[in-house]
PDB file of N, CA and C in Angstrom:
ATOM      1  N   MET A   1      28.520   0.000  13.838  1.00  0.00           N
ATOM      2  CA  MET A   1      29.234   1.255  13.901  1.00  0.00           C
ATOM      3  C   MET A   1      28.498   2.290  13.048  1.00  0.00           C
ATOM      4  N   ILE A   2      28.348   3.472  13.594  1.00  0.00           N
ATOM      5  CA  ILE A   2      27.767   4.584  12.837  1.00  0.00           C
ATOM      6  C   ILE A   2      28.662   5.804  13.029  1.00  0.00           C
ATOM      7  N   ASP A   3      28.538   6.745  12.122  1.00  0.00           N
ATOM      8  CA  ASP A   3      29.356   7.951  12.221  1.00  0.00           C
ATOM      9  C   ASP A   3      28.844   8.854  13.344  1.00  0.00           C
ATOM     10  N   GLN A   4      29.676   9.797  13.719  1.00  0.00           N
ATOM     11  CA  GLN A   4      29.389  10.678  14.847  1.00  0.00           C
ATOM     12  C   GLN A   4      28.115  11.505  14.636  1.00  0.00           C
ATOM     13  N   ALA A   5      27.909  11.996  13.434  1.00  0.00           N
ATOM     14  CA  ALA A   5      26.732  12.830  13.169  1.00  0.00           C
ATOM     15  C   ALA A   5      25.444  12.044  13.398  1.00  0.00           C
ATOM     16  N   ARG A   6      25.405  10.811  12.928  1.00  0.00           N
ATOM     17  CA  ARG A   6      24.203   9.989  13.126  1.00  0.00           C
ATOM     18  C   ARG A   6      24.023   9.645  14.608  1.00  0.00           C
ATOM     19  N   TYR A   7      25.131   9.353  15.285  1.00  0.00           N
ATOM     20  CA  TYR A   7      25.038   9.037  16.710  1.00  0.00           C
ATOM     21  C   TYR A   7      24.493  10.235  17.484  1.00  0.00           C
ATOM     22  N   GLU A   8      24.927  11.424  17.111  1.00  0.00           N
ATOM     23  CA  GLU A   8      24.429  12.621  17.791  1.00  0.00           C
ATOM     24  C   GLU A   8      22.928  12.809  17.544  1.00  0.00           C
ATOM     25  N   LYS A   9      22.469  12.508  16.335  1.00  0.00           N
ATOM     26  CA  LYS A   9      21.029  12.574  16.057  1.00  0.00           C
ATOM     27  C   LYS A   9      20.276  11.567  16.918  1.00  0.00           C
ATOM     28  N   LEU A  10      20.840  10.378  17.042  1.00  0.00           N
ATOM     29  CA  LEU A  10      20.195   9.350  17.868  1.00  0.00           C
ATOM     30  C   LEU A  10      20.138   9.755  19.332  1.00  0.00           C
ATOM     31  N   THR A  11      21.235  10.250  19.845  1.00  0.00           N
ATOM     32  CA  THR A  11      21.239  10.632  21.266  1.00  0.00           C
ATOM     33  C   THR A  11      20.313  11.819  21.524  1.00  0.00           C
ATOM     34  N   ALA A  12      20.258  12.753  20.583  1.00  0.00           N
ATOM     35  CA  ALA A  12      19.345  13.890  20.753  1.00  0.00           C
ATOM     36  C   ALA A  12      17.897  13.392  20.769  1.00  0.00           C
ATOM     37  N   GLU A  13      17.564  12.467  19.874  1.00  0.00           N
ATOM     38  CA  GLU A  13      16.202  11.912  19.845  1.00  0.00           C
ATOM     39  C   GLU A  13      15.920  11.125  21.120  1.00  0.00           C
ATOM     40  N   ALA A  14      16.896  10.392  21.599  1.00  0.00           N
ATOM     41  CA  ALA A  14      16.732   9.624  22.840  1.00  0.00           C
ATOM     42  C   ALA A  14      16.445  10.565  24.014  1.00  0.00           C
ATOM     43  N   GLU A  15      17.193  11.637  24.093  1.00  0.00           N
ATOM     44  CA  GLU A  15      16.971  12.607  25.173  1.00  0.00           C
ATOM     45  C   GLU A  15      15.602  13.276  25.031  1.00  0.00           C
ATOM     46  N   ARG A  16      15.246  13.630  23.804  1.00  0.00           N
ATOM     47  CA  ARG A  16      13.968  14.315  23.565  1.00  0.00           C
ATOM     48  C   ARG A  16      12.775  13.439  23.921  1.00  0.00           C
ATOM     49  N   THR A  17      12.876  12.128  23.615  1.00  0.00           N
ATOM     50  CA  THR A  17      11.734  11.226  23.797  1.00  0.00           C
ATOM     51  C   THR A  17      11.801  10.395  25.067  1.00  0.00           C
ATOM     52  N   GLY A  18      12.952  10.403  25.736  1.00  0.00           N
ATOM     53  CA  GLY A  18      13.090   9.593  26.939  1.00  0.00           C
ATOM     54  C   GLY A  18      13.278   8.110  26.639  1.00  0.00           C
ATOM     55  N   ARG A  19      13.640   7.804  25.430  1.00  0.00           N
ATOM     56  CA  ARG A  19      13.881   6.407  25.028  1.00  0.00           C
ATOM     57  C   ARG A  19      15.378   6.176  24.954  1.00  0.00           C
ATOM     58  N   SER A  20      15.752   4.914  24.906  1.00  0.00           N
ATOM     59  CA  SER A  20      17.167   4.597  24.748  1.00  0.00           C
ATOM     60  C   SER A  20      17.556   4.676  23.275  1.00  0.00           C
ATOM     61  N   VAL A  21      18.839   4.864  23.023  1.00  0.00           N
ATOM     62  CA  VAL A  21      19.348   4.860  21.650  1.00  0.00           C
ATOM     63  C   VAL A  21      19.032   3.515  21.005  1.00  0.00           C
ATOM     64  N   ALA A  22      19.233   2.430  21.728  1.00  0.00           N
ATOM     65  CA  ALA A  22      18.973   1.082  21.185  1.00  0.00           C
ATOM     66  C   ALA A  22      17.510   0.932  20.778  1.00  0.00           C
ATOM     67  N   ASP A  23      16.595   1.470  21.592  1.00  0.00           N
ATOM     68  CA  ASP A  23      15.172   1.374  21.261  1.00  0.00           C
ATOM     69  C   ASP A  23      14.860   2.136  19.971  1.00  0.00           C
ATOM     70  N   ILE A  24      15.456   3.304  19.813  1.00  0.00           N
ATOM     71  CA  ILE A  24      15.242   4.089  18.597  1.00  0.00           C
ATOM     72  C   ILE A  24      15.799   3.353  17.387  1.00  0.00           C
ATOM     73  N   VAL A  25      16.964   2.749  17.524  1.00  0.00           N
ATOM     74  CA  VAL A  25      17.558   1.989  16.416  1.00  0.00           C
ATOM     75  C   VAL A  25      16.670   0.806  16.056  1.00  0.00           C
ATOM     76  N   ARG A  26      16.191   0.061  17.064  1.00  0.00           N
ATOM     77  CA  ARG A  26      15.311  -1.086  16.787  1.00  0.00           C
ATOM     78  C   ARG A  26      14.044  -0.632  16.071  1.00  0.00           C
ATOM     79  N   SER A  27      13.461   0.463  16.527  1.00  0.00           N
ATOM     80  CA  SER A  27      12.247   0.975  15.893  1.00  0.00           C
ATOM     81  C   SER A  27      12.509   1.380  14.443  1.00  0.00           C
ATOM     82  N   ALA A  28      13.641   2.031  14.208  1.00  0.00           N
ATOM     83  CA  ALA A  28      13.978   2.446  12.844  1.00  0.00           C
ATOM     84  C   ALA A  28      14.151   1.229  11.938  1.00  0.00           C
ATOM     85  N   ILE A  29      14.772   0.183  12.444  1.00  0.00           N
ATOM     86  CA  ILE A  29      14.935  -1.048  11.663  1.00  0.00           C
ATOM     87  C   ILE A  29      13.574  -1.659  11.364  1.00  0.00           C
ATOM     88  N   ASP A  30      12.708  -1.718  12.366  1.00  0.00           N
ATOM     89  CA  ASP A  30      11.364  -2.277  12.152  1.00  0.00           C
ATOM     90  C   ASP A  30      10.598  -1.487  11.100  1.00  0.00           C
ATOM     91  N   VAL A  31      10.644  -0.170  11.196  1.00  0.00           N
ATOM     92  CA  VAL A  31       9.943   0.673  10.225  1.00  0.00           C
ATOM     93  C   VAL A  31      10.499   0.436   8.824  1.00  0.00           C
ATOM     94  N   HIS A  32      11.805   0.358   8.715  1.00  0.00           N
ATOM     95  CA  HIS A  32      12.428   0.145   7.408  1.00  0.00           C
ATOM     96  C   HIS A  32      11.949  -1.154   6.783  1.00  0.00           C
ATOM     97  N   PHE A  33      11.990  -2.245   7.544  1.00  0.00           N
ATOM     98  CA  PHE A  33      11.605  -3.525   6.969  1.00  0.00           C
ATOM     99  C   PHE A  33      10.099  -3.644   6.779  1.00  0.00           C
ATOM    100  N   ASP A  34       9.303  -2.987   7.614  1.00  0.00           N
ATOM    101  CA  ASP A  34       7.863  -2.952   7.383  1.00  0.00           C
ATOM    102  C   ASP A  34       7.569  -2.224   6.077  1.00  0.00           C
ATOM    103  N   GLU A  35       8.292  -1.140   5.818  1.00  0.00           N
ATOM    104  CA  GLU A  35       8.101  -0.380   4.580  1.00  0.00           C
ATOM    105  C   GLU A  35       8.496  -1.226   3.374  1.00  0.00           C
ATOM    106  N   GLU A  36       9.570  -1.991   3.493  1.00  0.00           N
ATOM    107  CA  GLU A  36       9.969  -2.873   2.386  1.00  0.00           C
ATOM    108  C   GLU A  36       8.895  -3.910   2.100  1.00  0.00           C
ATOM    109  N   ARG A  37       8.329  -4.497   3.152  1.00  0.00           N
ATOM    110  CA  ARG A  37       7.255  -5.478   2.965  1.00  0.00           C
ATOM    111  C   ARG A  37       6.038  -4.828   2.326  1.00  0.00           C
ATOM    112  N   LEU A  38       5.706  -3.627   2.766  1.00  0.00           N
ATOM    113  CA  LEU A  38       4.566  -2.912   2.203  1.00  0.00           C
ATOM    114  C   LEU A  38       4.798  -2.627   0.716  1.00  0.00           C
ATOM    115  N   GLN A  39       5.992  -2.198   0.364  1.00  0.00           N
ATOM    116  CA  GLN A  39       6.297  -1.924  -1.043  1.00  0.00           C
ATOM    117  C   GLN A  39       6.229  -3.209  -1.864  1.00  0.00           C
ATOM    118  N   ALA A  40       6.689  -4.320  -1.299  1.00  0.00           N
ATOM    119  CA  ALA A  40       6.628  -5.598  -2.016  1.00  0.00           C
ATOM    120  C   ALA A  40       5.173  -6.012  -2.236  1.00  0.00           C
ATOM    121  N   ARG A  41       4.317  -5.826  -1.227  1.00  0.00           N
ATOM    122  CA  ARG A  41       2.900  -6.162  -1.378  1.00  0.00           C
ATOM    123  C   ARG A  41       2.244  -5.268  -2.428  1.00  0.00           C
ATOM    124  N   ARG A  42       2.590  -3.987  -2.433  1.00  0.00           N
ATOM    125  CA  ARG A  42       2.031  -3.072  -3.435  1.00  0.00           C
ATOM    126  C   ARG A  42       2.468  -3.466  -4.842  1.00  0.00           C
ATOM    127  N   ALA A  43       3.738  -3.836  -4.982  1.00  0.00           N
ATOM    128  CA  ALA A  43       4.239  -4.240  -6.293  1.00  0.00           C
ATOM    129  C   ALA A  43       3.528  -5.498  -6.771  1.00  0.00           C
ATOM    130  N   GLU A  44       3.324  -6.451  -5.876  1.00  0.00           N
ATOM    131  CA  GLU A  44       2.617  -7.689  -6.242  1.00  0.00           C
ATOM    132  C   GLU A  44       1.179  -7.383  -6.632  1.00  0.00           C
ATOM    133  N   ALA A  45       0.527  -6.506  -5.895  1.00  0.00           N
ATOM    134  CA  ALA A  45      -0.852  -6.127  -6.240  1.00  0.00           C
ATOM    135  C   ALA A  45      -0.893  -5.477  -7.618  1.00  0.00           C
ATOM    136  N   GLY A  46       0.082  -4.637  -7.909  1.00  0.00           N
ATOM    137  CA  GLY A  46       0.155  -4.015  -9.223  1.00  0.00           C
ATOM    138  C   GLY A  46       0.355  -5.036 -10.330  1.00  0.00           C
ATOM    139  N   ARG A  47       1.240  -6.021 -10.083  1.00  0.00           N
ATOM    140  CA  ARG A  47       1.458  -7.075 -11.079  1.00  0.00           C
ATOM    141  C   ARG A  47       0.177  -7.871 -11.315  1.00  0.00           C
ATOM    142  N   ARG A  48      -0.535  -8.186 -10.245  1.00  0.00           N
ATOM    143  CA  ARG A  48      -1.782  -8.942 -10.390  1.00  0.00           C
ATOM    144  C   ARG A  48      -2.836  -8.130 -11.135  1.00  0.00           C
ATOM    145  N   LEU A  49      -2.911  -6.840 -10.832  1.00  0.00           N
ATOM    146  CA  LEU A  49      -3.870  -5.982 -11.506  1.00  0.00           C
ATOM    147  C   LEU A  49      -3.570  -5.913 -13.002  1.00  0.00           C
ATOM    148  N   LEU A  50      -2.312  -5.739 -13.338  1.00  0.00           N
ATOM    149  CA  LEU A  50      -1.943  -5.685 -14.754  1.00  0.00           C
ATOM    150  C   LEU A  50      -2.196  -7.013 -15.450  1.00  0.00           C
ATOM    151  N   ALA A  51      -1.981  -8.112 -14.737  1.00  0.00           N
ATOM    152  CA  ALA A  51      -2.200  -9.428 -15.328  1.00  0.00           C
ATOM    153  C   ALA A  51      -3.675  -9.708 -15.555  1.00  0.00           C
ATOM    154  N   SER A  52      -4.528  -9.014 -14.811  1.00  0.00           N
ATOM    155  CA  SER A  52      -5.971  -9.260 -14.932  1.00  0.00           C
ATOM    156  C   SER A  52      -6.644  -8.341 -15.942  1.00  0.00           C
ATOM    157  N   GLN A  53      -5.883  -7.543 -16.642  1.00  0.00           N
ATOM    158  CA  GLN A  53      -6.458  -6.624 -17.614  1.00  0.00           C
ATOM    159  C   GLN A  53      -7.104  -7.395 -18.761  1.00  0.00           C
ATOM    160  N   PRO A  54      -8.197  -6.880 -19.282  1.00  0.00           N
ATOM    161  CA  PRO A  54      -8.872  -7.562 -20.392  1.00  0.00           C
ATOM    162  C   PRO A  54      -7.997  -7.573 -21.648  1.00  0.00           C
ATOM    163  N   ASP A  55      -8.330  -8.470 -22.530  1.00  0.00           N
ATOM    164  CA  ASP A  55      -7.622  -8.582 -23.804  1.00  0.00           C
ATOM    165  C   ASP A  55      -7.873  -7.302 -24.604  1.00  0.00           C
ATOM    166  N   PRO A  56      -6.809  -6.589 -25.003  1.00  0.00           N
ATOM    167  CA  PRO A  56      -7.016  -5.329 -25.731  1.00  0.00           C
ATOM    168  C   PRO A  56      -7.630  -5.536 -27.117  1.00  0.00           C
ATOM    169  N   ASN A  57      -7.641  -6.773 -27.608  1.00  0.00           N
ATOM    170  CA  ASN A  57      -8.225  -7.044 -28.924  1.00  0.00           C
ATOM    171  C   ASN A  57      -9.734  -7.266 -28.853  1.00  0.00           C
ATOM    172  N   GLU A  58     -10.259  -7.442 -27.645  1.00  0.00           N
ATOM    173  CA  GLU A  58     -11.703  -7.631 -27.473  1.00  0.00           C
ATOM    174  C   GLU A  58     -12.346  -6.289 -27.147  1.00  0.00           C
ATOM    175  N   PRO A  59     -13.567  -6.076 -27.641  1.00  0.00           N
ATOM    176  CA  PRO A  59     -14.229  -4.799 -27.329  1.00  0.00           C
ATOM    177  C   PRO A  59     -14.518  -4.718 -25.833  1.00  0.00           C
ATOM    178  N   SER A  60     -14.311  -3.542 -25.280  1.00  0.00           N
ATOM    179  CA  SER A  60     -14.554  -3.376 -23.849  1.00  0.00           C
ATOM    180  C   SER A  60     -15.979  -2.895 -23.614  1.00  0.00           C
ATOM    181  N   GLU A  61     -16.452  -3.113 -22.402  1.00  0.00           N
ATOM    182  CA  GLU A  61     -17.790  -2.688 -22.015  1.00  0.00           C
ATOM    183  C   GLU A  61     -17.809  -1.167 -21.925  1.00  0.00           C
ATOM    184  N   THR A  62     -18.826  -0.549 -22.452  1.00  0.00           N
ATOM    185  CA  THR A  62     -18.934   0.911 -22.390  1.00  0.00           C
ATOM    186  C   THR A  62     -19.616   1.330 -21.090  1.00  0.00           C
ATOM    187  N   TRP A  63     -19.545   2.615 -20.809  1.00  0.00           N
ATOM    188  CA  TRP A  63     -20.213   3.158 -19.626  1.00  0.00           C
ATOM    189  C   TRP A  63     -21.724   2.916 -19.715  1.00  0.00           C
ATOM    190  N   ASP A  64     -22.285   3.094 -20.893  1.00  0.00           N
ATOM    191  CA  ASP A  64     -23.721   2.856 -21.077  1.00  0.00           C
ATOM    192  C   ASP A  64     -24.071   1.392 -20.835  1.00  0.00           C
ATOM    193  N   ASP A  65     -23.191   0.481 -21.285  1.00  0.00           N
ATOM    194  CA  ASP A  65     -23.418  -0.947 -21.028  1.00  0.00           C
ATOM    195  C   ASP A  65     -23.455  -1.216 -19.525  1.00  0.00           C
ATOM    196  N   MET A  66     -22.517  -0.632 -18.807  1.00  0.00           N
ATOM    197  CA  MET A  66     -22.456  -0.849 -17.351  1.00  0.00           C
ATOM    198  C   MET A  66     -23.694  -0.277 -16.660  1.00  0.00           C
ATOM    199  N   LEU A  67     -24.129   0.910 -17.093  1.00  0.00           N
ATOM    200  CA  LEU A  67     -25.330   1.512 -16.499  1.00  0.00           C
ATOM    201  C   LEU A  67     -26.565   0.658 -16.775  1.00  0.00           C
ATOM    202  N   HIS A  68     -26.664   0.116 -17.969  1.00  0.00           N
ATOM    203  CA  HIS A  68     -27.785  -0.735 -18.330  1.00  0.00           C
ATOM    204  C   HIS A  68     -27.823  -1.992 -17.446  1.00  0.00           C
ATOM    205  N   VAL A  69     -26.688  -2.632 -17.262  1.00  0.00           N
ATOM    206  CA  VAL A  69     -26.621  -3.830 -16.413  1.00  0.00           C
ATOM    207  C   VAL A  69     -26.996  -3.474 -14.979  1.00  0.00           C
ATOM    208  N   ARG A  70     -26.510  -2.335 -14.489  1.00  0.00           N
ATOM    209  CA  ARG A  70     -26.828  -1.913 -13.122  1.00  0.00           C
ATOM    210  C   ARG A  70     -28.324  -1.636 -12.979  1.00  0.00           C
ATOM    211  N   ALA A  71     -28.925  -0.999 -13.968  1.00  0.00           N
ATOM    212  CA  ALA A  71     -30.361  -0.724 -13.934  1.00  0.00           C
ATOM    213  C   ALA A  71     -31.155  -2.027 -13.913  1.00  0.00           C
ATOM    214  N   GLN A  72     -30.713  -3.016 -14.681  1.00  0.00           N
ATOM    215  CA  GLN A  72     -31.381  -4.323 -14.673  1.00  0.00           C
ATOM    216  C   GLN A  72     -31.265  -4.981 -13.305  1.00  0.00           C
ATOM    217  N   ASP A  73     -30.084  -4.871 -12.677  1.00  0.00           N
ATOM    218  CA  ASP A  73     -29.903  -5.440 -11.339  1.00  0.00           C
ATOM    219  C   ASP A  73     -30.851  -4.771 -10.342  1.00  0.00           C
ATOM    220  N   ILE A  74     -30.968  -3.461 -10.418  1.00  0.00           N
ATOM    221  CA  ILE A  74     -31.846  -2.734  -9.505  1.00  0.00           C
ATOM    222  C   ILE A  74     -33.291  -3.140  -9.715  1.00  0.00           C
ATOM    223  N   GLU A  75     -33.698  -3.231 -10.983  1.00  0.00           N
ATOM    224  CA  GLU A  75     -35.066  -3.623 -11.300  1.00  0.00           C
ATOM    225  C   GLU A  75     -35.347  -5.042 -10.812  1.00  0.00           C
ATOM    226  N   HIS A  76     -34.432  -5.938 -11.021  1.00  0.00           N
ATOM    227  CA  HIS A  76     -34.597  -7.325 -10.589  1.00  0.00           C
ATOM    228  C   HIS A  76     -34.718  -7.392  -9.064  1.00  0.00           C
ATOM    229  N   THR A  77     -33.900  -6.627  -8.344  1.00  0.00           N
ATOM    230  CA  THR A  77     -33.942  -6.610  -6.885  1.00  0.00           C
ATOM    231  C   THR A  77     -35.264  -6.029  -6.394  1.00  0.00           C
ATOM    232  N   ALA A  78     -35.781  -5.023  -7.075  1.00  0.00           N
ATOM    233  CA  ALA A  78     -37.027  -4.382  -6.655  1.00  0.00           C
ATOM    234  C   ALA A  78     -38.225  -5.335  -6.794  1.00  0.00           C
ATOM    235  N   HIS A  79     -38.159  -6.285  -7.724  1.00  0.00           N
ATOM    236  CA  HIS A  79     -39.267  -7.200  -7.936  1.00  0.00           C
ATOM    237  C   HIS A  79     -39.189  -8.455  -7.095  1.00  0.00           C
ATOM    238  N   GLN A  80     -38.211  -8.532  -6.256  1.00  0.00           N
ATOM    239  CA  GLN A  80     -38.106  -9.745  -5.405  1.00  0.00           C
ATOM    240  C   GLN A  80     -38.843  -9.588  -4.121  1.00  0.00           C
TER     241      GLN A  80
END
């Protein structure tokens, strides 16, 4: 059961798109649950990312350190 205002929105959309009200409702349900799954996957990815953070008590690699390692990789690749 839905209220009259929502039913009128559904019927207007059905007329506009040539789809049935039931098809629009099914699609809306699918979109809703797909969005919930997507949000759950994003939240899990965020939890994993936070869990993989380095120990704040250990010194972190500096930008210069990273550039130096990258330069060594490039040099090593060039000599192969």
